Structures are given as C-alpha cells and as structure tokens.
C-alpha atoms as a PDB file:
ATOM      1  CA  MET A   1       0.000   0.000   0.000  1.00  0.00           C
ATOM      2  CA  ASN A   2       1.158   3.561  -0.662  1.00  0.00           C
ATOM      3  CA  ARG A   3       1.602   6.074   2.100  1.00  0.00           C
ATOM      4  CA  LEU A   4      -1.023   8.773   2.397  1.00  0.00           C
ATOM      5  CA  ALA A   5      -0.344  11.768   0.189  1.00  0.00           C
ATOM      6  CA  ALA A   6      -0.063  15.106   1.973  1.00  0.00           C
ATOM      7  CA  LEU A   7      -2.982  17.480   1.422  1.00  0.00           C
ATOM      8  CA  PRO A   8      -3.052  21.276   1.754  1.00  0.00           C
ATOM      9  CA  THR A   9      -3.803  22.219   5.372  1.00  0.00           C
ATOM     10  CA  LEU A  10      -7.149  23.892   4.634  1.00  0.00           C
ATOM     11  CA  GLU A  11      -8.399  20.897   2.623  1.00  0.00           C
ATOM     12  CA  ARG A  12      -7.014  18.121   4.787  1.00  0.00           C
ATOM     13  CA  PRO A  13      -9.510  15.923   6.664  1.00  0.00           C
ATOM     14  CA  THR A  14      -8.510  14.253   9.892  1.00  0.00           C
ATOM     15  CA  LEU A  15      -5.861  11.590   9.558  1.00  0.00           C
ATOM     16  CA  SER A  16      -8.299   8.888  10.656  1.00  0.00           C
ATOM     17  CA  ALA A  17     -10.742  10.006   7.936  1.00  0.00           C
ATOM     18  CA  GLN A  18      -7.964   9.633   5.354  1.00  0.00           C
ATOM     19  CA  VAL A  19      -7.222   6.133   6.644  1.00  0.00           C
ATOM     20  CA  ALA A  20     -10.916   5.219   6.417  1.00  0.00           C
ATOM     21  CA  ARG A  21     -11.105   6.535   2.849  1.00  0.00           C
ATOM     22  CA  HIS A  22      -7.963   4.600   1.959  1.00  0.00           C
ATOM     23  CA  LEU A  23      -9.484   1.399   3.315  1.00  0.00           C
ATOM     24  CA  ILE A  24     -12.694   1.929   1.306  1.00  0.00           C
ATOM     25  CA  ASP A  25     -10.571   2.438  -1.802  1.00  0.00           C
ATOM     26  CA  HIS A  26      -8.699  -0.783  -0.958  1.00  0.00           C
ATOM     27  CA  VAL A  27     -12.008  -2.696  -0.744  1.00  0.00           C
ATOM     28  CA  ASN A  28     -13.009  -1.389  -4.158  1.00  0.00           C
ATOM     29  CA  THR A  29      -9.630  -2.043  -5.776  1.00  0.00           C
ATOM     30  CA  GLU A  30      -9.394  -5.591  -4.429  1.00  0.00           C
ATOM     31  CA  GLN A  31     -13.106  -6.238  -5.157  1.00  0.00           C
ATOM     32  CA  LEU A  32     -13.669  -7.517  -1.631  1.00  0.00           C
ATOM     33  CA  ARG A  33     -17.076  -8.790  -0.555  1.00  0.00           C
ATOM     34  CA  PRO A  34     -18.939  -9.143   2.766  1.00  0.00           C
ATOM     35  CA  GLY A  35     -17.139 -11.648   4.964  1.00  0.00           C
ATOM     36  CA  ASP A  36     -13.724 -10.929   3.435  1.00  0.00           C
ATOM     37  CA  THR A  37     -10.957  -9.747   5.751  1.00  0.00           C
ATOM     38  CA  VAL A  38      -9.188  -6.403   5.503  1.00  0.00           C
ATOM     39  CA  PRO A  39      -5.674  -5.493   6.663  1.00  0.00           C
ATOM     40  CA  SER A  40      -5.161  -5.401  10.412  1.00  0.00           C
ATOM     41  CA  GLU A  41      -4.647  -2.133  12.270  1.00  0.00           C
ATOM     42  CA  VAL A  42      -0.962  -2.943  12.704  1.00  0.00           C
ATOM     43  CA  GLN A  43      -0.474  -3.732   9.037  1.00  0.00           C
ATOM     44  CA  ILE A  44      -2.265  -0.705   7.658  1.00  0.00           C
ATOM     45  CA  GLY A  45      -0.519   1.587  10.147  1.00  0.00           C
ATOM     46  CA  ARG A  46       2.823   0.262   9.013  1.00  0.00           C
ATOM     47  CA  ASP A  47       1.925   0.422   5.317  1.00  0.00           C
ATOM     48  CA  LEU A  48       0.646   3.986   5.525  1.00  0.00           C
ATOM     49  CA  GLY A  49       3.136   5.278   8.061  1.00  0.00           C
ATOM     50  CA  VAL A  50       0.487   6.518  10.505  1.00  0.00           C
ATOM     51  CA  SER A  51      -0.020   5.972  14.206  1.00  0.00           C
ATOM     52  CA  ARG A  52      -1.929   2.992  15.573  1.00  0.00           C
ATOM     53  CA  GLY A  53      -4.322   5.402  17.279  1.00  0.00           C
ATOM     54  CA  SER A  54      -5.333   7.041  13.987  1.00  0.00           C
ATOM     55  CA  VAL A  55      -5.895   3.646  12.389  1.00  0.00           C
ATOM     56  CA  ARG A  56      -7.946   2.427  15.364  1.00  0.00           C
ATOM     57  CA  GLU A  57     -10.139   5.538  15.179  1.00  0.00           C
ATOM     58  CA  ALA A  58     -10.688   4.934  11.450  1.00  0.00           C
ATOM     59  CA  TYR A  59     -11.624   1.301  12.014  1.00  0.00           C
ATOM     60  CA  ARG A  60     -14.024   2.194  14.808  1.00  0.00           C
ATOM     61  CA  SER A  61     -15.732   4.793  12.620  1.00  0.00           C
ATOM     62  CA  LEU A  62     -16.190   2.214   9.858  1.00  0.00           C
ATOM     63  CA  ALA A  63     -17.535  -0.275  12.395  1.00  0.00           C
ATOM     64  CA  ALA A  64     -20.028   2.332  13.618  1.00  0.00           C
ATOM     65  CA  LEU A  65     -21.173   2.778  10.018  1.00  0.00           C
ATOM     66  CA  GLY A  66     -21.805  -0.959   9.731  1.00  0.00           C
ATOM     67  CA  ILE A  67     -18.981  -1.488   7.229  1.00  0.00           C
ATOM     68  CA  LEU A  68     -16.517  -3.401   9.385  1.00  0.00           C
ATOM     69  CA  GLU A  69     -16.978  -6.181  11.915  1.00  0.00           C
ATOM     70  CA  ILE A  70     -14.321  -5.957  14.600  1.00  0.00           C
ATOM     71  CA  GLU A  71     -13.830  -8.722  17.163  1.00  0.00           C
ATOM     72  CA  SER A  72     -10.968  -9.203  19.566  1.00  0.00           C
ATOM     73  CA  GLY A  73      -8.413 -11.696  18.308  1.00  0.00           C
ATOM     74  CA  ARG A  74      -9.750 -11.752  14.723  1.00  0.00           C
ATOM     75  CA  LYS A  75      -8.873  -9.803  11.616  1.00  0.00           C
ATOM     76  CA  PRO A  76     -11.483  -7.158  10.738  1.00  0.00           C
ATOM     77  CA  ARG A  77     -14.082  -8.315   8.218  1.00  0.00           C
ATOM     78  CA  LEU A  78     -16.487  -6.580   5.904  1.00  0.00           C
ATOM     79  CA  ARG A  79     -20.112  -6.708   7.014  1.00  0.00           C
ATOM     80  CA  ALA A  80     -23.164  -7.217   4.856  1.00  0.00           C
ATOM     81  CA  ILE A  81     -25.405  -4.163   4.618  1.00  0.00           C
ATOM     82  CA  HIS A  82     -27.790  -3.891   7.549  1.00  0.00           C
ATOM     83  CA  PRO A  83     -30.587  -1.409   8.290  1.00  0.00           C
ATOM     84  CA  ASP A  84     -29.419  -0.660  11.850  1.00  0.00           C
ATOM     85  CA  VAL A  85     -27.238   2.315  10.928  1.00  0.00           C
ATOM     86  CA  LEU A  86     -29.911   4.010   8.834  1.00  0.00           C
ATOM     87  CA  ALA A  87     -32.492   3.131  11.482  1.00  0.00           C
ATOM     88  CA  GLY A  88     -30.451   5.073  14.018  1.00  0.00           C
ATOM     89  CA  VAL A  89     -30.435   8.103  11.740  1.00  0.00           C
ATOM     90  CA  PHE A  90     -34.192   7.946  11.147  1.00  0.00           C
ATOM     91  CA  GLU A  91     -34.972   7.405  14.818  1.00  0.00           C
ATOM     92  CA  TYR A  92     -32.761  10.344  15.768  1.00  0.00           C
ATOM     93  CA  ALA A  93     -34.570  12.498  13.209  1.00  0.00           C
ATOM     94  CA  LEU A  94     -37.933  11.450  14.669  1.00  0.00           C
ATOM     95  CA  ASN A  95     -36.855  12.006  18.276  1.00  0.00           C
ATOM     96  CA  THR A  96     -35.560  15.493  17.482  1.00  0.00           C
ATOM     97  CA  ALA A  97     -38.651  16.493  15.469  1.00  0.00           C
ATOM     98  CA  GLN A  98     -36.702  16.863  12.224  1.00  0.00           C
ATOM     99  CA  ILE A  99     -39.180  14.475  10.583  1.00  0.00           C
ATOM    100  CA  THR A 100     -42.605  13.189  11.570  1.00  0.00           C
ATOM    101  CA  ILE A 101     -44.253   9.789  11.330  1.00  0.00           C
ATOM    102  CA  ALA A 102     -46.266  11.174   8.412  1.00  0.00           C
ATOM    103  CA  HIS A 103     -43.029  11.987   6.579  1.00  0.00           C
ATOM    104  CA  ALA A 104     -41.809   8.441   7.168  1.00  0.00           C
ATOM    105  CA  ILE A 105     -45.078   6.974   5.896  1.00  0.00           C
ATOM    106  CA  GLU A 106     -44.933   9.139   2.763  1.00  0.00           C
ATOM    107  CA  THR A 107     -41.412   7.849   2.098  1.00  0.00           C
ATOM    108  CA  ARG A 108     -42.475   4.272   2.773  1.00  0.00           C
ATOM    109  CA  ARG A 109     -45.414   4.726   0.416  1.00  0.00           C
ATOM    110  CA  ALA A 110     -43.145   5.633  -2.497  1.00  0.00           C
ATOM    111  CA  ILE A 111     -40.905   2.638  -1.811  1.00  0.00           C
ATOM    112  CA  GLU A 112     -43.686   0.146  -1.174  1.00  0.00           C
ATOM    113  CA  LEU A 113     -45.686   0.965  -4.298  1.00  0.00           C
ATOM    114  CA  GLN A 114     -42.747  -0.156  -6.410  1.00  0.00           C
ATOM    115  CA  THR A 115     -42.047  -3.031  -4.032  1.00  0.00           C
ATOM    116  CA  ALA A 116     -45.612  -4.335  -4.454  1.00  0.00           C
ATOM    117  CA  GLN A 117     -45.306  -4.061  -8.215  1.00  0.00           C
ATOM    118  CA  LEU A 118     -42.064  -6.051  -8.259  1.00  0.00           C
ATOM    119  CA  ALA A 119     -43.376  -8.618  -5.779  1.00  0.00           C
ATOM    120  CA  ALA A 120     -46.365  -9.282  -8.050  1.00  0.00           C
ATOM    121  CA  ARG A 121     -43.896 -10.138 -10.807  1.00  0.00           C
ATOM    122  CA  TYR A 122     -41.238 -12.043  -8.923  1.00  0.00           C
ATOM    123  CA  ALA A 123     -42.711 -13.530  -5.714  1.00  0.00           C
ATOM    124  CA  THR A 124     -42.071 -17.259  -5.362  1.00  0.00           C
ATOM    125  CA  PRO A 125     -44.832 -19.718  -4.496  1.00  0.00           C
ATOM    126  CA  ALA A 126     -43.367 -20.013  -0.987  1.00  0.00           C
ATOM    127  CA  GLN A 127     -43.456 -16.234  -0.523  1.00  0.00           C
ATOM    128  CA  ARG A 128     -47.047 -16.053  -1.741  1.00  0.00           C
ATOM    129  CA  LEU A 129     -47.991 -18.760   0.739  1.00  0.00           C
ATOM    130  CA  ARG A 130     -46.327 -16.857   3.595  1.00  0.00           C
ATOM    131  CA  LEU A 131     -48.212 -13.691   2.663  1.00  0.00           C
ATOM    132  CA  ARG A 132     -51.516 -15.581   2.816  1.00  0.00           C
ATOM    133  CA  GLU A 133     -50.585 -17.026   6.189  1.00  0.00           C
ATOM    134  CA  PHE A 134     -49.766 -13.613   7.650  1.00  0.00           C
ATOM    135  CA  VAL A 135     -53.089 -12.179   6.460  1.00  0.00           C
ATOM    136  CA  ASP A 136     -54.833 -15.086   8.200  1.00  0.00           C
ATOM    137  CA  GLN A 137     -52.842 -14.284  11.354  1.00  0.00           C
ATOM    138  CA  MET A 138     -53.990 -10.670  11.216  1.00  0.00           C
ATOM    139  CA  ARG A 139     -57.623 -11.765  11.088  1.00  0.00           C
ATOM    140  CA  ALA A 140     -57.153 -14.368  13.796  1.00  0.00           C
ATOM    141  CA  ALA A 141     -55.456 -11.940  16.203  1.00  0.00           C
ATOM    142  CA  GLY A 142     -58.733 -10.911  17.793  1.00  0.00           C
ATOM    143  CA  THR A 143     -58.053  -8.371  20.538  1.00  0.00           C
ATOM    144  CA  ASN A 144     -54.324  -9.142  20.534  1.00  0.00           C
ATOM    145  CA  HIS A 145     -53.022  -5.907  19.013  1.00  0.00           C
ATOM    146  CA  ALA A 146     -49.366  -6.882  19.334  1.00  0.00           C
ATOM    147  CA  ARG A 147     -49.960 -10.055  17.341  1.00  0.00           C
ATOM    148  CA  ARG A 148     -51.824  -8.126  14.649  1.00  0.00           C
ATOM    149  CA  VAL A 149     -49.050  -5.528  14.364  1.00  0.00           C
ATOM    150  CA  ALA A 150     -46.442  -8.312  14.118  1.00  0.00           C
ATOM    151  CA  ALA A 151     -48.359  -9.908  11.242  1.00  0.00           C
ATOM    152  CA  ASP A 152     -48.692  -6.510   9.550  1.00  0.00           C
ATOM    153  CA  MET A 153     -44.909  -6.004   9.774  1.00  0.00           C
ATOM    154  CA  ALA A 154     -44.260  -9.518   8.486  1.00  0.00           C
ATOM    155  CA  ILE A 155     -46.416  -8.925   5.406  1.00  0.00           C
ATOM    156  CA  HIS A 156     -44.422  -5.841   4.447  1.00  0.00           C
ATOM    157  CA  SER A 157     -41.124  -7.638   5.095  1.00  0.00           C
ATOM    158  CA  VAL A 158     -42.060 -10.546   2.826  1.00  0.00           C
ATOM    159  CA  ILE A 159     -43.245  -8.179   0.082  1.00  0.00           C
ATOM    160  CA  ALA A 160     -39.895  -6.356   0.234  1.00  0.00           C
ATOM    161  CA  GLU A 161     -38.053  -9.680   0.097  1.00  0.00           C
ATOM    162  CA  ALA A 162     -40.192 -10.842  -2.824  1.00  0.00           C
ATOM    163  CA  SER A 163     -39.357  -7.703  -4.811  1.00  0.00           C
ATOM    164  CA  GLY A 164     -35.846  -9.052  -5.302  1.00  0.00           C
ATOM    165  CA  ASN A 165     -34.358  -5.596  -4.625  1.00  0.00           C
ATOM    166  CA  PRO A 166     -32.177  -5.652  -1.488  1.00  0.00           C
ATOM    167  CA  LEU A 167     -32.475  -1.878  -1.135  1.00  0.00           C
ATOM    168  CA  SER A 168     -36.201  -2.291  -0.495  1.00  0.00           C
ATOM    169  CA  SER A 169     -35.539  -4.472   2.541  1.00  0.00           C
ATOM    170  CA  LEU A 170     -32.709  -2.194   3.687  1.00  0.00           C
ATOM    171  CA  LEU A 171     -34.726   1.016   3.559  1.00  0.00           C
ATOM    172  CA  LEU A 172     -37.912  -0.467   4.962  1.00  0.00           C
ATOM    173  CA  GLY A 173     -35.917  -2.140   7.734  1.00  0.00           C
ATOM    174  CA  ALA A 174     -34.336   1.216   8.542  1.00  0.00           C
ATOM    175  CA  LEU A 175     -37.804   2.759   8.754  1.00  0.00           C
ATOM    176  CA  ARG A 176     -38.906   0.053  11.185  1.00  0.00           C
ATOM    177  CA  HIS A 177     -39.542   2.395  14.122  1.00  0.00           C
ATOM    178  CA  PRO A 178     -41.981   4.683  12.282  1.00  0.00           C
ATOM    179  CA  VAL A 179     -43.397   1.611  10.551  1.00  0.00           C
ATOM    180  CA  GLU A 180     -44.204   0.057  13.917  1.00  0.00           C
ATOM    181  CA  ALA A 181     -45.595   3.355  15.174  1.00  0.00           C
ATOM    182  CA  SER A 182     -47.957   3.622  12.203  1.00  0.00           C
ATOM    183  CA  SER A 183     -49.014  -0.020  12.596  1.00  0.00           C
ATOM    184  CA  LYS A 184     -49.871   0.596  16.236  1.00  0.00           C
ATOM    185  CA  LEU A 185     -51.940   3.583  15.184  1.00  0.00           C
ATOM    186  CA  HIS A 186     -53.842   1.298  12.804  1.00  0.00           C
ATOM    187  CA  PHE A 187     -54.785  -1.050  15.599  1.00  0.00           C
ATOM    188  CA  ALA A 188     -54.962   1.295  18.597  1.00  0.00           C
ATOM    189  CA  ASP A 189     -57.703   0.702  21.146  1.00  0.00           C
ATOM    190  CA  THR A 190     -59.416   3.873  19.915  1.00  0.00           C
ATOM    191  CA  ARG A 191     -60.278   2.158  16.650  1.00  0.00           C
ATOM    192  CA  GLY A 192     -63.493   0.283  16.275  1.00  0.00           C
ATOM    193  CA  ASP A 193     -63.901  -3.170  14.797  1.00  0.00           C
ATOM    194  CA  THR A 194     -65.046  -1.717  11.479  1.00  0.00           C
ATOM    195  CA  GLU A 195     -61.907   0.402  11.100  1.00  0.00           C
ATOM    196  CA  ILE A 196     -59.615  -2.475  12.014  1.00  0.00           C
ATOM    197  CA  THR A 197     -61.376  -4.754   9.547  1.00  0.00           C
ATOM    198  CA  ARG A 198     -60.931  -2.102   6.869  1.00  0.00           C
ATOM    199  CA  VAL A 199     -57.181  -2.031   7.440  1.00  0.00           C
ATOM    200  CA  ILE A 200     -56.939  -5.828   7.350  1.00  0.00           C
ATOM    201  CA  ASP A 201     -59.003  -5.870   4.151  1.00  0.00           C
ATOM    202  CA  ALA A 202     -56.545  -3.391   2.632  1.00  0.00           C
ATOM    203  CA  HIS A 203     -53.634  -5.694   3.447  1.00  0.00           C
ATOM    204  CA  GLU A 204     -55.492  -8.687   2.034  1.00  0.00           C
ATOM    205  CA  ALA A 205     -56.208  -6.784  -1.183  1.00  0.00           C
ATOM    206  CA  VAL A 206     -52.482  -6.125  -1.623  1.00  0.00           C
ATOM    207  CA  VAL A 207     -51.673  -9.788  -1.005  1.00  0.00           C
ATOM    208  CA  ASP A 208     -54.441 -10.963  -3.362  1.00  0.00           C
ATOM    209  CA  ARG A 209     -53.071  -8.865  -6.224  1.00  0.00           C
ATOM    210  CA  ILE A 210     -49.483  -9.952  -5.585  1.00  0.00           C
ATOM    211  CA  CYS A 211     -50.492 -13.606  -5.479  1.00  0.00           C
ATOM    212  CA  ALA A 212     -52.429 -13.138  -8.716  1.00  0.00           C
ATOM    213  CA  GLY A 213     -49.353 -11.647 -10.401  1.00  0.00           C
ATOM    214  CA  ASP A 214     -51.269  -8.409 -11.024  1.00  0.00           C
ATOM    215  CA  SER A 215     -48.668  -5.596 -10.915  1.00  0.00           C
ATOM    216  CA  VAL A 216     -51.148  -2.804 -11.626  1.00  0.00           C
ATOM    217  CA  GLY A 217     -53.640  -4.071  -9.070  1.00  0.00           C
ATOM    218  CA  ALA A 218     -50.905  -4.550  -6.445  1.00  0.00           C
ATOM    219  CA  VAL A 219     -49.792  -0.928  -6.817  1.00  0.00           C
ATOM    220  CA  ALA A 220     -53.369   0.329  -6.594  1.00  0.00           C
ATOM    221  CA  ALA A 221     -54.075  -1.784  -3.506  1.00  0.00           C
ATOM    222  CA  MET A 222     -50.877  -0.636  -1.794  1.00  0.00           C
ATOM    223  CA  SER A 223     -51.675   2.991  -2.650  1.00  0.00           C
ATOM    224  CA  TYR A 224     -55.101   2.651  -1.041  1.00  0.00           C
ATOM    225  CA  HIS A 225     -53.571   1.016   2.036  1.00  0.00           C
ATOM    226  CA  PHE A 226     -51.109   3.875   2.526  1.00  0.00           C
ATOM    227  CA  ASP A 227     -53.690   6.561   1.963  1.00  0.00           C
ATOM    228  CA  ILE A 228     -55.597   5.081   4.895  1.00  0.00           C
ATOM    229  CA  SER A 229     -52.390   5.372   6.928  1.00  0.00           C
ATOM    230  CA  LEU A 230     -51.763   8.989   5.952  1.00  0.00           C
ATOM    231  CA  VAL A 231     -55.317  10.051   6.697  1.00  0.00           C
ATOM    232  CA  ARG A 232     -55.086   8.361  10.107  1.00  0.00           C
ATOM    233  CA  VAL A 233     -51.724   9.873  11.015  1.00  0.00           C
ATOM    234  CA  SER A 234     -51.952  13.383   9.611  1.00  0.00           C
ATOM    235  CA  GLY A 235     -55.609  13.932   8.744  1.00  0.00           C
ATOM    236  CA  ARG A 236     -54.622  15.035   5.238  1.00  0.00           C
ATOM    237  CA  VAL A 237     -56.495  14.213   2.039  1.00  0.00           C
ATOM    238  CA  ALA A 238     -55.480  10.926   0.476  1.00  0.00           C
ATOM    239  CA  ILE A 239     -52.719  11.193  -2.112  1.00  0.00           C
ATOM    240  CA  GLY A 240     -54.021   9.002  -4.871  1.00  0.00           C
ATOM    241  CA  GLY A 241     -57.783   9.186  -4.563  1.00  0.00           C
ATOM    242  CA  SER A 242     -60.731   9.180  -2.198  1.00  0.00           C
ATOM    243  CA  THR A 243     -60.699   7.035   0.902  1.00  0.00           C
ATOM    244  CA  GLY A 244     -64.218   7.942   1.886  1.00  0.00           C
ATOM    245  CA  PRO A 245     -67.123   5.502   2.013  1.00  0.00           C
ATOM    246  CA  ASP A 246     -67.540   5.671  -1.761  1.00  0.00           C
ATOM    247  CA  GLY A 247     -63.820   5.724  -2.520  1.00  0.00           C
ATOM    248  CA  GLY A 248     -61.728   2.663  -3.045  1.00  0.00           C
ATOM    249  CA  ILE A 249     -58.798   1.075  -4.747  1.00  0.00           C
ATOM    250  CA  GLU A 250     -60.191   1.651  -8.214  1.00  0.00           C
ATOM    251  CA  ASN A 251     -60.021   5.446  -7.745  1.00  0.00           C
ATOM    252  CA  HIS A 252     -56.281   5.548  -7.158  1.00  0.00           C
ATOM    253  CA  ILE A 253     -53.834   6.999  -9.641  1.00  0.00           C
ATOM    254  CA  ILE A 254     -51.236   4.431 -10.654  1.00  0.00           C
ATOM    255  CA  PRO A 255     -47.644   5.639 -11.154  1.00  0.00           C
ATOM    256  CA  PRO A 256     -45.721   4.445 -14.233  1.00  0.00           C
ATOM    257  CA  LEU A 257     -44.765   0.794 -13.965  1.00  0.00           C
ATOM    258  CA  LEU A 258     -41.144  -0.285 -13.843  1.00  0.00           C
ATOM    259  CA  PRO A 259     -39.784  -2.139 -16.879  1.00  0.00           C
ATOM    260  CA  GLU A 260     -39.358  -5.881 -16.632  1.00  0.00           C
ATOM    261  CA  ARG A 261     -35.961  -7.069 -15.435  1.00  0.00           C
ATOM    262  CA  PRO A 262     -33.789  -8.601 -18.150  1.00  0.00           C
ATOM    263  CA  VAL A 263     -33.562 -12.385 -17.994  1.00  0.00           C
ATOM    264  CA  ASN A 264     -30.041 -13.754 -17.904  1.00  0.00           C
ATOM    265  CA  ASP A 265     -29.536 -16.576 -20.365  1.00  0.00           C
END
C-alpha cells in the first residue's frame, strides 16, 4: 500500500478520515465482498506510516457505520449491509422532530408501491404462501393488538423480500420504528372493529393482487392502504384518490410501472 499523500492544510480531513477513505478504496480495488478480511490495524498503520491510534479511530468509525466487523483476536471483516445504521439516523430524526411519522409513511409509500409491483412479478410460491398465512394471522389476532401488528410487519417484510431488490428491505428495515408506530396507530384501542377490519381488508387486497401476479392491481391496492395510513396519522387528504365511504382502490392513480428485469440466459 502507498503512504497517504499530503494534502493542503485547509483541505485536509482528519488523519483517521484519510485512513478510512484509503481502506474503502482498498475494498473497491481488491473487489472484496462481505465476509472478506481487511488489513489489520498494525499492518495498515505500518503500510501507511500513521499511528496505531489514527488507524484504530478509522476502524471504529467504519464499524459504527456498519462497514466493518471488529472482534478481539480476529482480523477485521467486511459486514453485509444492515438497516441498523440508517435506522439510528431515522430514529434520531424522529426524536428530534426533524421528521414526523407522516413523513416516514410518505417515504415508505413511495418505496412500497414499487415493491408491491415487483413482488407481483417475482414472488415465489413459498413467498405467496407466507403472505396468505400472515393475512390469516392478522384476522385471527382478535383483541391481541401486538400479534396483529407483528403480522402486519411480516407482510411488508415478505413483500420487500419478494421484490428481489435488497435496497427495499434495507430502507424499509431502517424505517422500522416509524413503521411500527404507524401499525400501532392502525390497531390502537381507539379504533373500532369496522376500522380495524378495513385495514386488514386493505392488506389482504395487496396480497391478493401480488399472489395473482397483477402488478397494476398490487400498486393500486398498496396505494389505497397507505392513503388510509396517511389520513389516520396526519388527517390530510389521500394522495391518490378518495378514501371515503364511496372511494376505493379503483379510484387511485397508478404511477408508471417499472420495466421488466432482463432475464439472464
């Protein structure tokens, strides 16, 4: 490895930040993958001619970002992407009133409309079966709100998985806290049986369309489901269409569909 090049004083980041950047460049150059090892603190300090303390600070910052896995007695390894780091950012933003639950739901809505569309195309038979089972669990939960919320969360997790896009699972996992908060609002004790049934019906409609392989219908059903959420959380008018007694899935505006993925021969 080459030693770090000197930078002008006014442009120079901290030494540990330079070490971290160098390590990221090393990962890219060597085409390393999750689970692969990276140079030890001693080795990289020697190669770059920097102090052990600067290297340790760089490694700890990368570990905090979820990039490195550091365990005593083992060489550092690259981690697979995980939603925890982003979740911390989103939760901090919520706790400090920089965003609201409504903002999180709006963001989830944009992601989950495309996720539903992709799941309708690519869900496996096993994933479709799991979705059906979780809808049944929602209906069977009775007065057990925690069980109903857990089934709600599971449905969205399986849909994200079925989309085949790992970023869907990553982002939705990172939004888990506001997701759980919105789910609890759905099934709070202040809601009557009719309202709760309406929410469950909305989930079942999404699952029905995904299981039928209906991309357009899955997007429309998911749009309707999220408009119910937004009206409940913020009291605003539904985004895609009416959610009143005479409104329904068929009134929702459908965004442009994604092109089919190319099939590898």
